Full PDB file with SEQRES, HELIX, SHEET, SSBOND, CRYST1, ORIGX, SCALE, CONECT and MASTER records, all heavy atoms in Angstrom:
SEQRES   1 A   30  LEU THR ALA LEU THR HIS ARG ALA ASP PHE VAL ALA ALA          
SEQRES   2 A   30  SER ASN LYS GLU ALA TRP LEU ARG THR VAL ALA LEU ASN          
SEQRES   3 A   30  ARG LEU ARG ASN                                              
HELIX    1 AA1 THR A    2  THR A    5  1                                   4    
HELIX    2 AA2 ARG A    7  ALA A   12  1                                   6    
HELIX    3 AA3 LYS A   16  ARG A   29  1                                  14    
CRYST1    1.000    1.000    1.000  90.00  90.00  90.00 P 1           1          
ORIGX1      1.000000  0.000000  0.000000        0.00000                         
ORIGX2      0.000000  1.000000  0.000000        0.00000                         
ORIGX3      0.000000  0.000000  1.000000        0.00000                         
SCALE1      1.000000  0.000000  0.000000        0.00000                         
SCALE2      0.000000  1.000000  0.000000        0.00000                         
SCALE3      0.000000  0.000000  1.000000        0.00000                         
ATOM      1  N   LEU A   1       0.834  -1.207   0.000  1.00  0.00           N  
ATOM      2  CA  LEU A   1       0.000   0.000   0.000  1.00  0.00           C  
ATOM      3  C   LEU A   1       0.866   1.253   0.000  1.00  0.00           C  
ATOM      4  O   LEU A   1       0.556   2.235  -0.677  1.00  0.00           O  
ATOM      5  CB  LEU A   1      -0.934   0.011   1.214  1.00  0.00           C  
ATOM      6  CG  LEU A   1      -2.108  -0.952   1.151  1.00  0.00           C  
ATOM      7  CD1 LEU A   1      -2.852  -0.964   2.475  1.00  0.00           C  
ATOM      8  CD2 LEU A   1      -3.042  -0.584   0.022  1.00  0.00           C  
ATOM      9  N   THR A   2       1.961   1.211   0.745  1.00  0.00           N  
ATOM     10  CA  THR A   2       2.890   2.335   0.749  1.00  0.00           C  
ATOM     11  C   THR A   2       3.487   2.534  -0.635  1.00  0.00           C  
ATOM     12  O   THR A   2       3.661   3.668  -1.091  1.00  0.00           O  
ATOM     13  CB  THR A   2       3.998   2.123   1.799  1.00  0.00           C  
ATOM     14  OG1 THR A   2       3.380   1.956   3.080  1.00  0.00           O  
ATOM     15  CG2 THR A   2       4.958   3.290   1.848  1.00  0.00           C  
ATOM     16  N   ALA A   3       3.787   1.437  -1.325  1.00  0.00           N  
ATOM     17  CA  ALA A   3       4.309   1.541  -2.697  1.00  0.00           C  
ATOM     18  C   ALA A   3       3.289   2.225  -3.602  1.00  0.00           C  
ATOM     19  O   ALA A   3       3.658   3.027  -4.469  1.00  0.00           O  
ATOM     20  CB  ALA A   3       4.655   0.158  -3.240  1.00  0.00           C  
ATOM     21  N   LEU A   4       2.013   1.918  -3.391  1.00  0.00           N  
ATOM     22  CA  LEU A   4       0.969   2.557  -4.201  1.00  0.00           C  
ATOM     23  C   LEU A   4       0.846   4.044  -3.903  1.00  0.00           C  
ATOM     24  O   LEU A   4       0.589   4.843  -4.803  1.00  0.00           O  
ATOM     25  CB  LEU A   4      -0.379   1.874  -3.973  1.00  0.00           C  
ATOM     26  CG  LEU A   4      -0.541   0.493  -4.597  1.00  0.00           C  
ATOM     27  CD1 LEU A   4      -1.808  -0.182  -4.078  1.00  0.00           C  
ATOM     28  CD2 LEU A   4      -0.564   0.582  -6.112  1.00  0.00           C  
ATOM     29  N   THR A   5       1.022   4.413  -2.639  1.00  0.00           N  
ATOM     30  CA  THR A   5       0.870   5.819  -2.267  1.00  0.00           C  
ATOM     31  C   THR A   5       2.147   6.629  -2.448  1.00  0.00           C  
ATOM     32  O   THR A   5       2.101   7.854  -2.404  1.00  0.00           O  
ATOM     33  CB  THR A   5       0.366   5.955  -0.813  1.00  0.00           C  
ATOM     34  OG1 THR A   5       1.292   5.323   0.061  1.00  0.00           O  
ATOM     35  CG2 THR A   5      -1.014   5.345  -0.652  1.00  0.00           C  
ATOM     36  N   HIS A   6       3.271   5.943  -2.633  1.00  0.00           N  
ATOM     37  CA  HIS A   6       4.559   6.601  -2.875  1.00  0.00           C  
ATOM     38  C   HIS A   6       5.171   6.047  -4.158  1.00  0.00           C  
ATOM     39  O   HIS A   6       6.307   5.572  -4.177  1.00  0.00           O  
ATOM     40  CB  HIS A   6       5.513   6.385  -1.685  1.00  0.00           C  
ATOM     41  CG  HIS A   6       5.056   7.031  -0.434  1.00  0.00           C  
ATOM     42  ND1 HIS A   6       4.165   6.442   0.437  1.00  0.00           N  
ATOM     43  CD2 HIS A   6       5.359   8.246   0.092  1.00  0.00           C  
ATOM     44  CE1 HIS A   6       3.945   7.257   1.446  1.00  0.00           C  
ATOM     45  NE2 HIS A   6       4.648   8.359   1.268  1.00  0.00           N  
ATOM     46  N   ARG A   7       4.387   6.110  -5.219  1.00  0.00           N  
ATOM     47  CA  ARG A   7       4.779   5.513  -6.501  1.00  0.00           C  
ATOM     48  C   ARG A   7       6.146   5.969  -6.987  1.00  0.00           C  
ATOM     49  O   ARG A   7       6.951   5.162  -7.436  1.00  0.00           O  
ATOM     50  CB  ARG A   7       3.765   5.860  -7.579  1.00  0.00           C  
ATOM     51  CG  ARG A   7       2.432   5.212  -7.446  1.00  0.00           C  
ATOM     52  CD  ARG A   7       1.556   5.671  -8.621  1.00  0.00           C  
ATOM     53  NE  ARG A   7       0.139   5.603  -8.401  1.00  0.00           N  
ATOM     54  CZ  ARG A   7      -0.573   4.501  -8.296  1.00  0.00           C  
ATOM     55  NH1 ARG A   7       0.007   3.359  -8.338  1.00  0.00           N  
ATOM     56  NH2 ARG A   7      -1.876   4.544  -8.139  1.00  0.00           N  
ATOM     57  N   ALA A   8       6.402   7.257  -6.923  1.00  0.00           N  
ATOM     58  CA  ALA A   8       7.662   7.795  -7.460  1.00  0.00           C  
ATOM     59  C   ALA A   8       8.857   7.185  -6.740  1.00  0.00           C  
ATOM     60  O   ALA A   8       9.837   6.786  -7.391  1.00  0.00           O  
ATOM     61  CB  ALA A   8       7.680   9.314  -7.351  1.00  0.00           C  
ATOM     62  N   ASP A   9       8.802   7.095  -5.422  1.00  0.00           N  
ATOM     63  CA  ASP A   9       9.896   6.493  -4.662  1.00  0.00           C  
ATOM     64  C   ASP A   9      10.051   5.018  -5.015  1.00  0.00           C  
ATOM     65  O   ASP A   9      11.168   4.521  -5.189  1.00  0.00           O  
ATOM     66  CB  ASP A   9       9.659   6.622  -3.153  1.00  0.00           C  
ATOM     67  CG  ASP A   9       9.711   8.056  -2.678  1.00  0.00           C  
ATOM     68  OD1 ASP A   9      10.351   8.884  -3.355  1.00  0.00           O  
ATOM     69  OD2 ASP A   9       9.107   8.348  -1.631  1.00  0.00           O  
ATOM     70  N   PHE A  10       8.929   4.327  -5.119  1.00  0.00           N  
ATOM     71  CA  PHE A  10       8.971   2.895  -5.422  1.00  0.00           C  
ATOM     72  C   PHE A  10       9.525   2.641  -6.825  1.00  0.00           C  
ATOM     73  O   PHE A  10      10.395   1.801  -7.006  1.00  0.00           O  
ATOM     74  CB  PHE A  10       7.571   2.276  -5.294  1.00  0.00           C  
ATOM     75  CG  PHE A  10       7.545   0.808  -5.576  1.00  0.00           C  
ATOM     76  CD1 PHE A  10       8.037  -0.096  -4.639  1.00  0.00           C  
ATOM     77  CD2 PHE A  10       7.043   0.314  -6.763  1.00  0.00           C  
ATOM     78  CE1 PHE A  10       8.019  -1.459  -4.892  1.00  0.00           C  
ATOM     79  CE2 PHE A  10       7.022  -1.043  -7.027  1.00  0.00           C  
ATOM     80  CZ  PHE A  10       7.512  -1.935  -6.084  1.00  0.00           C  
ATOM     81  N   VAL A  11       9.035   3.379  -7.802  1.00  0.00           N  
ATOM     82  CA  VAL A  11       9.482   3.198  -9.181  1.00  0.00           C  
ATOM     83  C   VAL A  11      10.967   3.540  -9.319  1.00  0.00           C  
ATOM     84  O   VAL A  11      11.703   2.895 -10.063  1.00  0.00           O  
ATOM     85  CB  VAL A  11       8.617   4.035 -10.155  1.00  0.00           C  
ATOM     86  CG1 VAL A  11       9.200   4.065 -11.547  1.00  0.00           C  
ATOM     87  CG2 VAL A  11       7.194   3.487 -10.188  1.00  0.00           C  
ATOM     88  N   ALA A  12      11.433   4.533  -8.562  1.00  0.00           N  
ATOM     89  CA  ALA A  12      12.835   4.952  -8.640  1.00  0.00           C  
ATOM     90  C   ALA A  12      13.779   3.970  -7.943  1.00  0.00           C  
ATOM     91  O   ALA A  12      14.981   3.984  -8.216  1.00  0.00           O  
ATOM     92  CB  ALA A  12      12.999   6.340  -8.033  1.00  0.00           C  
ATOM     93  N   ALA A  13      13.255   3.118  -7.076  1.00  0.00           N  
ATOM     94  CA  ALA A  13      14.106   2.180  -6.335  1.00  0.00           C  
ATOM     95  C   ALA A  13      14.730   1.160  -7.284  1.00  0.00           C  
ATOM     96  O   ALA A  13      14.040   0.568  -8.108  1.00  0.00           O  
ATOM     97  CB  ALA A  13      13.291   1.465  -5.260  1.00  0.00           C  
ATOM     98  N   SER A  14      16.027   0.945  -7.144  1.00  0.00           N  
ATOM     99  CA  SER A  14      16.699  -0.018  -8.021  1.00  0.00           C  
ATOM    100  C   SER A  14      16.363  -1.452  -7.610  1.00  0.00           C  
ATOM    101  O   SER A  14      16.305  -2.335  -8.458  1.00  0.00           O  
ATOM    102  CB  SER A  14      18.211   0.201  -8.004  1.00  0.00           C  
ATOM    103  OG  SER A  14      18.718   0.027  -6.697  1.00  0.00           O  
ATOM    104  N   ASN A  15      16.140  -1.698  -6.317  1.00  0.00           N  
ATOM    105  CA  ASN A  15      15.754  -3.019  -5.838  1.00  0.00           C  
ATOM    106  C   ASN A  15      14.412  -2.872  -5.132  1.00  0.00           C  
ATOM    107  O   ASN A  15      14.344  -2.503  -3.967  1.00  0.00           O  
ATOM    108  CB  ASN A  15      16.817  -3.575  -4.895  1.00  0.00           C  
ATOM    109  CG  ASN A  15      16.525  -4.995  -4.463  1.00  0.00           C  
ATOM    110  OD1 ASN A  15      15.380  -5.436  -4.426  1.00  0.00           O  
ATOM    111  ND2 ASN A  15      17.571  -5.726  -4.121  1.00  0.00           N  
ATOM    112  N   LYS A  16      13.356  -3.148  -5.860  1.00  0.00           N  
ATOM    113  CA  LYS A  16      12.007  -2.914  -5.348  1.00  0.00           C  
ATOM    114  C   LYS A  16      11.654  -3.827  -4.182  1.00  0.00           C  
ATOM    115  O   LYS A  16      10.978  -3.423  -3.244  1.00  0.00           O  
ATOM    116  CB  LYS A  16      11.004  -3.012  -6.482  1.00  0.00           C  
ATOM    117  CG  LYS A  16      11.203  -1.841  -7.459  1.00  0.00           C  
ATOM    118  CD  LYS A  16      10.375  -1.952  -8.683  1.00  0.00           C  
ATOM    119  CE  LYS A  16      10.534  -0.815  -9.644  1.00  0.00           C  
ATOM    120  NZ  LYS A  16      11.780  -0.096  -9.696  1.00  0.00           N  
ATOM    121  N   GLU A  17      12.127  -5.068  -4.223  1.00  0.00           N  
ATOM    122  CA  GLU A  17      11.848  -5.974  -3.112  1.00  0.00           C  
ATOM    123  C   GLU A  17      12.536  -5.485  -1.839  1.00  0.00           C  
ATOM    124  O   GLU A  17      11.956  -5.532  -0.760  1.00  0.00           O  
ATOM    125  CB  GLU A  17      12.294  -7.398  -3.435  1.00  0.00           C  
ATOM    126  CG  GLU A  17      11.918  -8.384  -2.345  1.00  0.00           C  
ATOM    127  CD  GLU A  17      12.181  -9.820  -2.722  1.00  0.00           C  
ATOM    128  OE1 GLU A  17      11.965 -10.194  -3.894  1.00  0.00           O  
ATOM    129  OE2 GLU A  17      12.599 -10.585  -1.832  1.00  0.00           O  
ATOM    130  N   ALA A  18      13.745  -4.995  -1.953  1.00  0.00           N  
ATOM    131  CA  ALA A  18      14.452  -4.448  -0.786  1.00  0.00           C  
ATOM    132  C   ALA A  18      13.718  -3.221  -0.244  1.00  0.00           C  
ATOM    133  O   ALA A  18      13.624  -3.025   0.966  1.00  0.00           O  
ATOM    134  CB  ALA A  18      15.893  -4.096  -1.149  1.00  0.00           C  
ATOM    135  N   TRP A  19      13.187  -2.395  -1.140  1.00  0.00           N  
ATOM    136  CA  TRP A  19      12.414  -1.218  -0.733  1.00  0.00           C  
ATOM    137  C   TRP A  19      11.201  -1.669   0.079  1.00  0.00           C  
ATOM    138  O   TRP A  19      10.928  -1.133   1.150  1.00  0.00           O  
ATOM    139  CB  TRP A  19      11.985  -0.445  -1.983  1.00  0.00           C  
ATOM    140  CG  TRP A  19      11.377   0.895  -1.742  1.00  0.00           C  
ATOM    141  CD1 TRP A  19      12.014   2.094  -1.730  1.00  0.00           C  
ATOM    142  CD2 TRP A  19       9.984   1.187  -1.499  1.00  0.00           C  
ATOM    143  NE1 TRP A  19      11.110   3.109  -1.502  1.00  0.00           N  
ATOM    144  CE2 TRP A  19       9.858   2.578  -1.352  1.00  0.00           C  
ATOM    145  CE3 TRP A  19       8.845   0.402  -1.404  1.00  0.00           C  
ATOM    146  CZ2 TRP A  19       8.645   3.196  -1.108  1.00  0.00           C  
ATOM    147  CZ3 TRP A  19       7.630   1.019  -1.154  1.00  0.00           C  
ATOM    148  CH2 TRP A  19       7.537   2.403  -1.016  1.00  0.00           C  
ATOM    149  N   LEU A  20      10.488  -2.674  -0.426  1.00  0.00           N  
ATOM    150  CA  LEU A  20       9.308  -3.189   0.271  1.00  0.00           C  
ATOM    151  C   LEU A  20       9.694  -3.831   1.600  1.00  0.00           C  
ATOM    152  O   LEU A  20       9.000  -3.656   2.606  1.00  0.00           O  
ATOM    153  CB  LEU A  20       8.579  -4.201  -0.604  1.00  0.00           C  
ATOM    154  CG  LEU A  20       7.880  -3.614  -1.824  1.00  0.00           C  
ATOM    155  CD1 LEU A  20       7.591  -4.697  -2.849  1.00  0.00           C  
ATOM    156  CD2 LEU A  20       6.615  -2.890  -1.422  1.00  0.00           C  
ATOM    157  N   ARG A  21      10.809  -4.581   1.620  1.00  0.00           N  
ATOM    158  CA  ARG A  21      11.274  -5.216   2.846  1.00  0.00           C  
ATOM    159  C   ARG A  21      11.586  -4.164   3.906  1.00  0.00           C  
ATOM    160  O   ARG A  21      11.247  -4.323   5.080  1.00  0.00           O  
ATOM    161  CB  ARG A  21      12.524  -6.060   2.572  1.00  0.00           C  
ATOM    162  CG  ARG A  21      13.012  -6.837   3.790  1.00  0.00           C  
ATOM    163  CD  ARG A  21      14.265  -7.665   3.507  1.00  0.00           C  
ATOM    164  NE  ARG A  21      14.068  -8.538   2.367  1.00  0.00           N  
ATOM    165  CZ  ARG A  21      14.626  -8.340   1.158  1.00  0.00           C  
ATOM    166  NH1 ARG A  21      15.417  -7.305   0.942  1.00  0.00           N  
ATOM    167  NH2 ARG A  21      14.393  -9.184   0.169  1.00  0.00           N  
ATOM    168  N   THR A  22      12.204  -3.077   3.502  1.00  0.00           N  
ATOM    169  CA  THR A  22      12.527  -2.000   4.438  1.00  0.00           C  
ATOM    170  C   THR A  22      11.254  -1.387   5.017  1.00  0.00           C  
ATOM    171  O   THR A  22      11.154  -1.153   6.221  1.00  0.00           O  
ATOM    172  CB  THR A  22      13.380  -0.922   3.739  1.00  0.00           C  
ATOM    173  OG1 THR A  22      14.588  -1.527   3.274  1.00  0.00           O  
ATOM    174  CG2 THR A  22      13.705   0.221   4.681  1.00  0.00           C  
ATOM    175  N   VAL A  23      10.274  -1.142   4.153  1.00  0.00           N  
ATOM    176  CA  VAL A  23       9.002  -0.583   4.625  1.00  0.00           C  
ATOM    177  C   VAL A  23       8.327  -1.559   5.581  1.00  0.00           C  
ATOM    178  O   VAL A  23       7.865  -1.168   6.662  1.00  0.00           O  
ATOM    179  CB  VAL A  23       8.075  -0.232   3.438  1.00  0.00           C  
ATOM    180  CG1 VAL A  23       6.693   0.166   3.926  1.00  0.00           C  
ATOM    181  CG2 VAL A  23       8.686   0.885   2.588  1.00  0.00           C  
ATOM    182  N   ALA A  24       8.281  -2.847   5.232  1.00  0.00           N  
ATOM    183  CA  ALA A  24       7.636  -3.851   6.085  1.00  0.00           C  
ATOM    184  C   ALA A  24       8.368  -3.963   7.427  1.00  0.00           C  
ATOM    185  O   ALA A  24       7.732  -4.034   8.487  1.00  0.00           O  
ATOM    186  CB  ALA A  24       7.599  -5.206   5.379  1.00  0.00           C  
ATOM    187  N   LEU A  25       9.680  -3.950   7.380  1.00  0.00           N  
ATOM    188  CA  LEU A  25      10.470  -4.031   8.609  1.00  0.00           C  
ATOM    189  C   LEU A  25      10.229  -2.809   9.493  1.00  0.00           C  
ATOM    190  O   LEU A  25      10.073  -2.937  10.711  1.00  0.00           O  
ATOM    191  CB  LEU A  25      11.950  -4.157   8.262  1.00  0.00           C  
ATOM    192  CG  LEU A  25      12.925  -4.258   9.417  1.00  0.00           C  
ATOM    193  CD1 LEU A  25      12.582  -5.433  10.314  1.00  0.00           C  
ATOM    194  CD2 LEU A  25      14.336  -4.394   8.885  1.00  0.00           C  
ATOM    195  N   ASN A  26      10.154  -1.644   8.896  1.00  0.00           N  
ATOM    196  CA  ASN A  26       9.860  -0.439   9.677  1.00  0.00           C  
ATOM    197  C   ASN A  26       8.470  -0.509  10.291  1.00  0.00           C  
ATOM    198  O   ASN A  26       8.266  -0.091  11.441  1.00  0.00           O  
ATOM    199  CB  ASN A  26      10.016   0.811   8.813  1.00  0.00           C  
ATOM    200  CG  ASN A  26      11.467   1.125   8.532  1.00  0.00           C  
ATOM    201  OD1 ASN A  26      12.363   0.698   9.253  1.00  0.00           O  
ATOM    202  ND2 ASN A  26      11.709   1.859   7.458  1.00  0.00           N  
ATOM    203  N   ARG A  27       7.503  -1.036   9.545  1.00  0.00           N  
ATOM    204  CA  ARG A  27       6.150  -1.207  10.101  1.00  0.00           C  
ATOM    205  C   ARG A  27       6.180  -2.152  11.300  1.00  0.00           C  
ATOM    206  O   ARG A  27       5.530  -1.903  12.320  1.00  0.00           O  
ATOM    207  CB  ARG A  27       5.193  -1.757   9.044  1.00  0.00           C  
ATOM    208  CG  ARG A  27       5.002  -0.892   7.849  1.00  0.00           C  
ATOM    209  CD  ARG A  27       3.950   0.117   8.108  1.00  0.00           C  
ATOM    210  NE  ARG A  27       3.788   0.927   6.909  1.00  0.00           N  
ATOM    211  CZ  ARG A  27       2.920   1.868   6.807  1.00  0.00           C  
ATOM    212  NH1 ARG A  27       2.126   2.140   7.809  1.00  0.00           N  
ATOM    213  NH2 ARG A  27       2.838   2.583   5.704  1.00  0.00           N  
ATOM    214  N   LEU A  28       6.932  -3.246  11.155  1.00  0.00           N  
ATOM    215  CA  LEU A  28       7.043  -4.221  12.238  1.00  0.00           C  
ATOM    216  C   LEU A  28       7.709  -3.593  13.464  1.00  0.00           C  
ATOM    217  O   LEU A  28       7.240  -3.757  14.594  1.00  0.00           O  
ATOM    218  CB  LEU A  28       7.846  -5.428  11.745  1.00  0.00           C  
ATOM    219  CG  LEU A  28       7.759  -6.710  12.540  1.00  0.00           C  
ATOM    220  CD1 LEU A  28       6.321  -7.153  12.732  1.00  0.00           C  
ATOM    221  CD2 LEU A  28       8.557  -7.791  11.823  1.00  0.00           C  
ATOM    222  N   ARG A  29       8.773  -2.840  13.238  1.00  0.00           N  
ATOM    223  CA  ARG A  29       9.447  -2.159  14.359  1.00  0.00           C  
ATOM    224  C   ARG A  29       8.505  -1.180  15.051  1.00  0.00           C  
ATOM    225  O   ARG A  29       8.506  -1.071  16.280  1.00  0.00           O  
ATOM    226  CB  ARG A  29      10.675  -1.412  13.854  1.00  0.00           C  
ATOM    227  CG  ARG A  29      11.842  -2.305  13.541  1.00  0.00           C  
ATOM    228  CD  ARG A  29      12.992  -1.493  13.010  1.00  0.00           C  
ATOM    229  NE  ARG A  29      14.159  -2.312  12.777  1.00  0.00           N  
ATOM    230  CZ  ARG A  29      15.064  -2.056  11.860  1.00  0.00           C  
ATOM    231  NH1 ARG A  29      14.951  -0.984  11.085  1.00  0.00           N  
ATOM    232  NH2 ARG A  29      16.106  -2.841  11.707  1.00  0.00           N  
ATOM    233  N   ASN A  30       7.715  -0.455  14.276  1.00  0.00           N  
ATOM    234  CA  ASN A  30       6.745   0.474  14.881  1.00  0.00           C  
ATOM    235  C   ASN A  30       5.735  -0.276  15.726  1.00  0.00           C  
ATOM    236  O   ASN A  30       5.352   0.200  16.804  1.00  0.00           O  
ATOM    237  CB  ASN A  30       6.039   1.295  13.805  1.00  0.00           C  
ATOM    238  CG  ASN A  30       6.931   2.345  13.198  1.00  0.00           C  
ATOM    239  OD1 ASN A  30       7.926   2.754  13.794  1.00  0.00           O  
ATOM    240  ND2 ASN A  30       6.591   2.786  11.993  1.00  0.00           N  
TER     241      ASN A  30                                                      
MASTER        0    0    0    3    0    0    0    6  240    1    0    3          
END                                                                             
């Protein structure tokens, strides 16, 4: 969902799975 709401950041990421993993990990830490 974050990727959908932050499309530009997601599309610009060279490793999209790593980008998603970082977001998921931050959600878990929160």
